[in-house]
N, C-alpha and C. Protein backbone atom coordinates (compact mmCIF):
# COMPACT_ATOMS: atom_id res chain seq x y z
N MET A 1 -6.77 -12.09 1.57
CA MET A 1 -5.50 -12.47 0.63
C MET A 1 -4.77 -12.87 1.73
N SER A 2 -3.80 -13.85 1.72
CA SER A 2 -3.17 -14.24 2.93
C SER A 2 -1.96 -13.64 2.38
N LEU A 3 -0.69 -13.42 2.95
CA LEU A 3 0.32 -12.73 2.57
C LEU A 3 1.25 -13.72 1.64
N THR A 4 0.88 -15.02 1.45
CA THR A 4 1.62 -16.35 0.78
C THR A 4 1.06 -16.27 -0.68
N GLU A 5 0.17 -15.48 -0.68
CA GLU A 5 -0.71 -15.01 -2.16
C GLU A 5 -0.31 -13.71 -2.45
N ARG A 6 0.47 -12.98 -2.00
CA ARG A 6 0.91 -11.57 -2.49
C ARG A 6 2.19 -11.76 -3.05
N ASN A 7 2.28 -11.34 -4.27
CA ASN A 7 3.22 -11.42 -5.21
C ASN A 7 4.08 -9.79 -4.55
N GLU A 8 5.59 -10.29 -4.92
CA GLU A 8 6.48 -9.19 -4.33
C GLU A 8 6.12 -8.37 -5.78
N PRO A 9 6.35 -6.86 -5.40
CA PRO A 9 6.18 -5.71 -6.35
C PRO A 9 7.62 -5.74 -7.28
N GLY A 10 7.29 -5.85 -8.53
CA GLY A 10 8.34 -5.75 -9.25
C GLY A 10 9.63 -4.57 -9.45
N PHE A 11 8.88 -3.16 -9.48
CA PHE A 11 9.53 -2.15 -9.45
C PHE A 11 8.42 -1.25 -8.79
N SER A 12 9.04 0.23 -8.34
CA SER A 12 8.09 0.93 -7.66
C SER A 12 7.10 1.78 -8.40
N ALA A 13 6.22 2.09 -7.32
CA ALA A 13 4.64 2.57 -8.12
C ALA A 13 5.13 3.88 -9.37
N SER A 14 6.08 4.61 -9.11
CA SER A 14 6.39 5.47 -10.09
C SER A 14 6.74 5.14 -11.51
N GLY A 15 7.45 4.19 -11.43
CA GLY A 15 7.59 3.46 -12.67
C GLY A 15 6.52 3.05 -13.60
N ALA A 16 5.33 2.25 -12.84
CA ALA A 16 4.66 1.73 -13.03
C ALA A 16 3.41 2.64 -13.62
N LEU A 17 3.13 3.81 -12.87
CA LEU A 17 1.93 4.78 -13.22
C LEU A 17 2.21 5.09 -14.34
N PHE A 18 3.20 5.44 -15.05
CA PHE A 18 3.53 6.35 -16.18
C PHE A 18 3.52 5.54 -17.61
N SER A 19 3.34 4.18 -17.47
CA SER A 19 3.84 3.38 -18.65
C SER A 19 2.27 3.37 -19.12
N SER A 20 2.63 2.85 -20.40
CA SER A 20 1.30 2.98 -21.19
C SER A 20 0.24 1.69 -20.55
N GLY A 21 -0.76 1.56 -20.81
CA GLY A 21 -2.08 0.48 -20.47
C GLY A 21 -1.67 0.24 -18.95
N ARG A 22 -2.46 1.19 -18.02
CA ARG A 22 -2.36 1.06 -16.62
C ARG A 22 -3.63 1.03 -16.65
N SER A 23 -4.16 -0.80 -16.54
CA SER A 23 -4.99 -1.34 -15.87
C SER A 23 -5.03 -1.54 -14.47
N PRO A 24 -6.17 -1.38 -14.03
CA PRO A 24 -6.33 -1.46 -12.65
C PRO A 24 -5.56 -3.00 -11.72
N LEU A 25 -5.81 -4.04 -13.08
CA LEU A 25 -5.14 -5.24 -12.35
C LEU A 25 -3.79 -4.93 -12.47
N ASP A 26 -3.15 -4.34 -13.45
CA ASP A 26 -1.60 -4.16 -13.46
C ASP A 26 -1.26 -3.32 -12.27
N ILE A 27 -1.76 -2.46 -12.26
CA ILE A 27 -1.33 -1.37 -10.65
C ILE A 27 -1.49 -2.44 -9.74
N LEU A 28 -2.44 -3.25 -9.36
CA LEU A 28 -2.67 -4.02 -8.09
C LEU A 28 -1.50 -5.09 -8.27
N LYS A 29 -1.11 -5.61 -9.18
CA LYS A 29 0.13 -6.47 -9.27
C LYS A 29 1.45 -5.96 -9.35
N GLN A 30 1.92 -4.46 -9.92
CA GLN A 30 3.29 -4.11 -9.89
C GLN A 30 3.14 -3.46 -8.46
N VAL A 31 1.92 -2.66 -8.37
CA VAL A 31 2.25 -1.49 -7.18
C VAL A 31 2.11 -2.15 -5.93
N TYR A 32 0.85 -2.89 -5.57
CA TYR A 32 0.62 -3.35 -4.41
C TYR A 32 1.07 -4.61 -4.24
N GLY A 33 1.36 -5.77 -5.00
CA GLY A 33 1.76 -6.64 -5.20
C GLY A 33 0.86 -8.12 -5.03
N TYR A 34 -0.38 -7.93 -5.10
CA TYR A 34 -1.58 -8.83 -5.12
C TYR A 34 -1.39 -9.28 -6.50
N SER A 35 -2.10 -10.33 -6.82
CA SER A 35 -2.22 -11.37 -7.97
C SER A 35 -3.55 -10.97 -8.36
N SER A 36 -4.58 -10.90 -7.49
CA SER A 36 -6.12 -10.69 -7.82
C SER A 36 -6.86 -9.83 -6.78
N PHE A 37 -8.03 -9.14 -7.35
CA PHE A 37 -8.74 -8.57 -6.58
C PHE A 37 -9.77 -9.20 -5.44
N ARG A 38 -10.08 -8.83 -4.62
CA ARG A 38 -11.02 -9.63 -3.39
C ARG A 38 -12.39 -9.15 -3.60
N GLY A 39 -13.05 -10.23 -3.18
CA GLY A 39 -14.59 -9.86 -3.10
C GLY A 39 -14.77 -9.03 -4.35
N LYS A 40 -16.09 -7.70 -4.13
CA LYS A 40 -16.40 -6.83 -4.87
C LYS A 40 -15.45 -6.01 -5.30
N GLN A 41 -14.08 -6.09 -4.93
CA GLN A 41 -12.96 -4.58 -5.33
C GLN A 41 -12.89 -4.40 -6.75
N GLN A 42 -12.70 -5.46 -7.55
CA GLN A 42 -12.60 -5.25 -9.19
C GLN A 42 -13.80 -4.63 -9.57
N GLN A 43 -15.25 -4.97 -9.20
CA GLN A 43 -16.13 -4.05 -9.78
C GLN A 43 -16.22 -2.87 -9.27
N VAL A 44 -15.88 -2.63 -8.13
CA VAL A 44 -16.05 -1.25 -7.74
C VAL A 44 -15.14 -0.20 -8.58
N VAL A 45 -13.42 -0.94 -8.49
CA VAL A 45 -12.50 -0.09 -9.28
C VAL A 45 -12.96 0.09 -10.22
N GLU A 46 -13.34 -0.88 -11.31
CA GLU A 46 -13.76 -0.75 -12.80
C GLU A 46 -14.78 0.46 -12.89
N HIS A 47 -15.80 0.36 -12.07
CA HIS A 47 -16.73 1.01 -12.34
C HIS A 47 -16.32 2.67 -11.76
N VAL A 48 -15.46 2.81 -11.07
CA VAL A 48 -14.94 4.12 -10.54
C VAL A 48 -14.02 4.68 -11.95
N VAL A 49 -13.18 3.74 -12.05
CA VAL A 49 -12.16 4.00 -13.38
C VAL A 49 -12.84 4.33 -14.43
N SER A 50 -14.05 3.89 -14.79
CA SER A 50 -15.02 4.20 -16.22
C SER A 50 -15.61 5.63 -15.76
N GLY A 51 -15.49 6.38 -14.50
CA GLY A 51 -15.88 7.77 -14.58
C GLY A 51 -17.22 7.59 -13.54
N GLY A 52 -17.36 6.15 -12.93
CA GLY A 52 -18.66 6.35 -11.94
C GLY A 52 -18.41 6.38 -10.81
N ASP A 53 -19.54 6.92 -9.78
CA ASP A 53 -19.44 6.98 -8.61
C ASP A 53 -19.68 6.06 -7.61
N ALA A 54 -19.33 5.69 -6.28
CA ALA A 54 -19.43 4.56 -5.89
C ALA A 54 -19.45 5.01 -4.07
N VAL A 55 -20.27 4.28 -3.41
CA VAL A 55 -20.50 4.69 -1.94
C VAL A 55 -19.80 3.10 -1.67
N VAL A 56 -18.93 2.75 -0.79
CA VAL A 56 -18.30 1.45 -0.75
C VAL A 56 -18.53 1.09 0.81
N LEU A 57 -19.37 0.25 1.07
CA LEU A 57 -19.47 -0.34 2.45
C LEU A 57 -18.91 -1.75 2.53
N PHE A 58 -17.60 -1.40 3.18
CA PHE A 58 -16.82 -2.97 3.13
C PHE A 58 -16.21 -3.22 4.81
N PRO A 59 -16.32 -4.29 5.30
CA PRO A 59 -15.95 -4.33 6.84
C PRO A 59 -14.32 -3.93 6.67
N THR A 60 -14.13 -3.70 7.96
CA THR A 60 -12.69 -3.15 8.47
C THR A 60 -11.85 -4.38 7.66
N GLY A 61 -10.59 -4.02 6.90
CA GLY A 61 -9.64 -4.68 6.49
C GLY A 61 -10.06 -5.57 5.16
N ALA A 62 -11.18 -5.31 4.44
CA ALA A 62 -11.56 -5.81 3.13
C ALA A 62 -11.30 -4.93 1.96
N GLY A 63 -10.42 -4.05 2.23
CA GLY A 63 -9.61 -3.45 1.12
C GLY A 63 -10.42 -2.30 0.19
N LYS A 64 -11.01 -1.44 1.36
CA LYS A 64 -11.81 -0.11 0.73
C LYS A 64 -10.71 0.95 0.08
N SER A 65 -9.25 0.97 0.73
CA SER A 65 -8.65 1.90 0.07
C SER A 65 -8.16 1.67 -1.33
N LEU A 66 -7.94 0.46 -1.53
CA LEU A 66 -7.59 0.01 -3.01
C LEU A 66 -8.81 0.50 -3.77
N CYS A 67 -9.95 0.48 -3.53
CA CYS A 67 -11.27 0.96 -4.58
C CYS A 67 -10.81 2.52 -4.51
N PHE A 68 -10.36 3.37 -3.93
CA PHE A 68 -10.07 4.81 -4.27
C PHE A 68 -8.84 4.88 -5.02
N GLN A 69 -7.69 4.12 -4.22
CA GLN A 69 -6.56 4.36 -4.79
C GLN A 69 -6.10 4.05 -6.10
N ILE A 70 -6.73 2.63 -6.62
CA ILE A 70 -6.22 2.36 -7.72
C ILE A 70 -6.86 3.09 -8.78
N PRO A 71 -8.03 3.56 -8.65
CA PRO A 71 -8.56 4.24 -9.66
C PRO A 71 -7.86 5.52 -9.80
N ALA A 72 -7.15 6.24 -8.62
CA ALA A 72 -6.69 7.64 -8.84
C ALA A 72 -5.31 7.21 -9.50
N LEU A 73 -4.89 5.81 -9.61
CA LEU A 73 -3.46 5.62 -10.06
C LEU A 73 -3.78 5.63 -11.75
N CYS A 74 -5.15 5.02 -11.93
CA CYS A 74 -5.16 4.70 -13.59
C CYS A 74 -5.61 5.63 -14.37
N ARG A 75 -6.19 7.07 -13.80
CA ARG A 75 -6.56 8.16 -14.38
C ARG A 75 -5.58 9.29 -14.28
N ASP A 76 -5.26 9.78 -15.38
CA ASP A 76 -4.59 11.27 -15.12
C ASP A 76 -4.99 12.19 -14.11
N GLY A 77 -4.10 13.15 -13.87
CA GLY A 77 -4.25 13.84 -12.71
C GLY A 77 -4.13 13.38 -11.28
N VAL A 78 -4.55 14.21 -10.36
CA VAL A 78 -4.08 13.55 -8.82
C VAL A 78 -5.57 13.17 -8.40
N GLY A 79 -5.67 12.25 -7.47
CA GLY A 79 -6.85 11.67 -6.79
C GLY A 79 -7.16 12.34 -5.53
N ILE A 80 -8.17 13.22 -5.12
CA ILE A 80 -8.30 13.78 -4.10
C ILE A 80 -9.37 12.61 -2.78
N VAL A 81 -9.02 12.23 -2.06
CA VAL A 81 -9.76 11.90 -0.82
C VAL A 81 -9.96 12.69 0.25
N VAL A 82 -11.14 12.73 0.84
CA VAL A 82 -11.60 13.71 1.93
C VAL A 82 -11.57 12.56 2.81
N SER A 83 -11.15 12.80 4.23
CA SER A 83 -11.10 11.91 5.41
C SER A 83 -11.37 12.66 6.71
N PRO A 84 -12.15 12.07 7.65
CA PRO A 84 -12.22 13.15 8.75
C PRO A 84 -11.39 12.58 9.78
N LEU A 85 -10.36 11.83 9.83
CA LEU A 85 -9.72 11.23 10.58
C LEU A 85 -7.96 11.26 10.10
N ILE A 86 -7.48 12.47 10.97
CA ILE A 86 -6.11 12.89 10.55
C ILE A 86 -5.12 11.96 10.70
N ALA A 87 -5.41 10.86 11.86
CA ALA A 87 -4.34 9.42 12.01
C ALA A 87 -4.53 8.69 10.63
N LEU A 88 -5.73 8.49 10.38
CA LEU A 88 -5.72 7.84 8.99
C LEU A 88 -5.38 8.26 8.00
N MET A 89 -5.56 9.40 7.62
CA MET A 89 -4.73 10.28 6.73
C MET A 89 -3.27 10.02 6.59
N ARG A 90 -2.80 10.07 7.89
CA ARG A 90 -1.29 9.65 7.92
C ARG A 90 -0.62 8.18 7.97
N ASP A 91 -1.64 7.49 8.22
CA ASP A 91 -1.25 6.03 8.38
C ASP A 91 -1.28 5.62 6.46
N GLN A 92 -2.59 6.44 5.69
CA GLN A 92 -2.61 6.19 4.33
C GLN A 92 -1.48 6.44 3.71
N VAL A 93 -1.06 8.04 3.68
CA VAL A 93 -0.13 8.48 3.11
C VAL A 93 1.11 7.95 3.35
N GLU A 94 1.69 7.49 4.41
CA GLU A 94 2.81 6.94 4.80
C GLU A 94 3.19 5.07 3.91
N ALA A 95 2.09 4.60 4.21
CA ALA A 95 1.62 3.31 3.42
C ALA A 95 1.75 3.69 1.83
N MET A 96 1.16 4.86 1.37
CA MET A 96 1.37 4.64 -0.35
C MET A 96 2.82 5.24 -0.62
N LYS A 97 3.47 6.26 0.47
CA LYS A 97 4.65 6.53 0.04
C LYS A 97 5.66 5.33 0.08
N GLN A 98 5.37 4.42 1.08
CA GLN A 98 6.27 2.94 1.02
C GLN A 98 6.05 2.06 -0.31
N LEU A 99 5.06 2.81 -1.08
CA LEU A 99 4.92 1.71 -2.19
C LEU A 99 5.35 2.65 -3.78
N GLY A 100 5.81 3.82 -3.07
CA GLY A 100 6.43 4.85 -4.17
C GLY A 100 5.43 5.41 -4.49
N ILE A 101 4.36 5.52 -4.36
CA ILE A 101 3.10 6.39 -4.62
C ILE A 101 3.11 8.09 -4.27
N ARG A 102 3.06 8.61 -4.90
CA ARG A 102 3.59 10.37 -4.46
C ARG A 102 2.17 10.79 -3.72
N ALA A 103 2.28 10.59 -2.59
CA ALA A 103 0.83 11.00 -1.88
C ALA A 103 1.62 12.13 -0.78
N ALA A 104 0.20 12.90 -0.55
CA ALA A 104 0.23 13.72 0.64
C ALA A 104 -0.90 13.78 1.42
N ALA A 105 -1.04 14.59 2.24
CA ALA A 105 -2.27 15.22 2.94
C ALA A 105 -2.36 16.21 3.33
N LEU A 106 -3.30 17.10 3.20
CA LEU A 106 -3.96 18.69 3.61
C LEU A 106 -4.30 18.43 5.13
N ASN A 107 -3.94 19.02 6.30
CA ASN A 107 -4.98 19.07 7.38
C ASN A 107 -4.44 20.02 8.28
N SER A 108 -5.03 20.30 9.43
CA SER A 108 -4.63 21.01 10.50
C SER A 108 -3.47 20.84 11.37
N SER A 109 -2.86 19.64 11.21
CA SER A 109 -1.96 19.16 11.86
C SER A 109 -0.77 19.66 10.82
N LEU A 110 -0.46 20.23 9.95
CA LEU A 110 0.69 20.58 9.39
C LEU A 110 0.93 21.75 9.73
N SER A 111 2.37 22.10 9.74
CA SER A 111 3.06 23.34 9.58
C SER A 111 2.63 24.40 8.84
N ARG A 112 3.00 25.50 8.93
CA ARG A 112 2.91 26.56 7.57
C ARG A 112 3.65 25.97 6.47
N GLU A 113 4.79 25.75 6.96
CA GLU A 113 5.86 25.31 5.74
C GLU A 113 5.41 23.72 5.01
N GLU A 114 5.08 22.91 5.93
CA GLU A 114 4.35 21.69 5.26
C GLU A 114 2.81 21.90 4.43
N PHE A 115 2.40 22.81 5.00
CA PHE A 115 1.27 23.16 4.15
C PHE A 115 1.50 23.81 2.83
N VAL A 116 2.56 24.44 2.74
CA VAL A 116 2.83 25.37 1.80
C VAL A 116 3.97 24.57 0.43
N GLU A 117 4.34 23.64 1.05
CA GLU A 117 5.32 22.38 0.58
C GLU A 117 4.18 21.51 -0.42
N VAL A 118 3.05 21.10 0.41
CA VAL A 118 2.22 20.27 -0.19
C VAL A 118 1.03 20.98 -1.34
N ARG A 119 0.97 22.18 -1.11
CA ARG A 119 0.30 23.00 -2.02
C ARG A 119 1.38 23.15 -3.21
N ARG A 120 2.31 23.36 -2.92
CA ARG A 120 3.58 23.73 -4.36
C ARG A 120 3.43 22.03 -4.97
N ALA A 121 3.64 21.20 -4.23
CA ALA A 121 3.73 19.87 -5.02
C ALA A 121 2.33 19.55 -5.79
N LEU A 122 1.08 19.84 -5.19
CA LEU A 122 -0.10 19.71 -5.92
C LEU A 122 -0.06 20.49 -7.33
N SER A 123 0.16 21.63 -6.96
CA SER A 123 0.29 22.50 -8.19
C SER A 123 1.37 22.10 -9.15
N ALA A 124 2.46 21.58 -8.95
CA ALA A 124 3.18 21.31 -9.81
C ALA A 124 3.39 20.01 -10.31
N GLY A 125 2.22 19.10 -10.04
CA GLY A 125 1.84 17.85 -10.74
C GLY A 125 2.83 16.69 -10.37
N GLN A 126 3.28 16.87 -8.89
CA GLN A 126 4.23 16.09 -8.25
C GLN A 126 3.40 15.03 -7.33
N LEU A 127 1.87 15.10 -7.22
CA LEU A 127 1.29 14.09 -6.36
C LEU A 127 0.30 13.31 -7.22
N ASP A 128 0.36 11.95 -7.13
CA ASP A 128 -0.65 10.82 -7.26
C ASP A 128 -1.86 11.64 -6.39
N LEU A 129 -2.05 11.18 -5.19
CA LEU A 129 -3.04 11.10 -4.64
C LEU A 129 -2.63 12.25 -3.14
């Protein structure tokens, strides 16, 4: 999807996430600013939102991240993502924070204070992912 096909988000994710009727398409539009899913994204997202499991093999840049981020935002609780790459964790957390999503990572690069703060936020229900 080109940038010209992308909508500007109307409000922050924190406002969108806790309203009633959090459909995947609403979150895609309101949080991410896209008007529609690409390729098989919608099929994967709807399957995961309904409680299904998925292994997604898309090429780089095809939107795999939305396939786990949107279902986590549609459901109650916190979404947990396991990633072997600390740099990828940092990039994704920063990108989600810029969208207003309450995100954090736990990994070996954190100081003790940072680790404790993330655990506290997680326990307090202050994280989406």
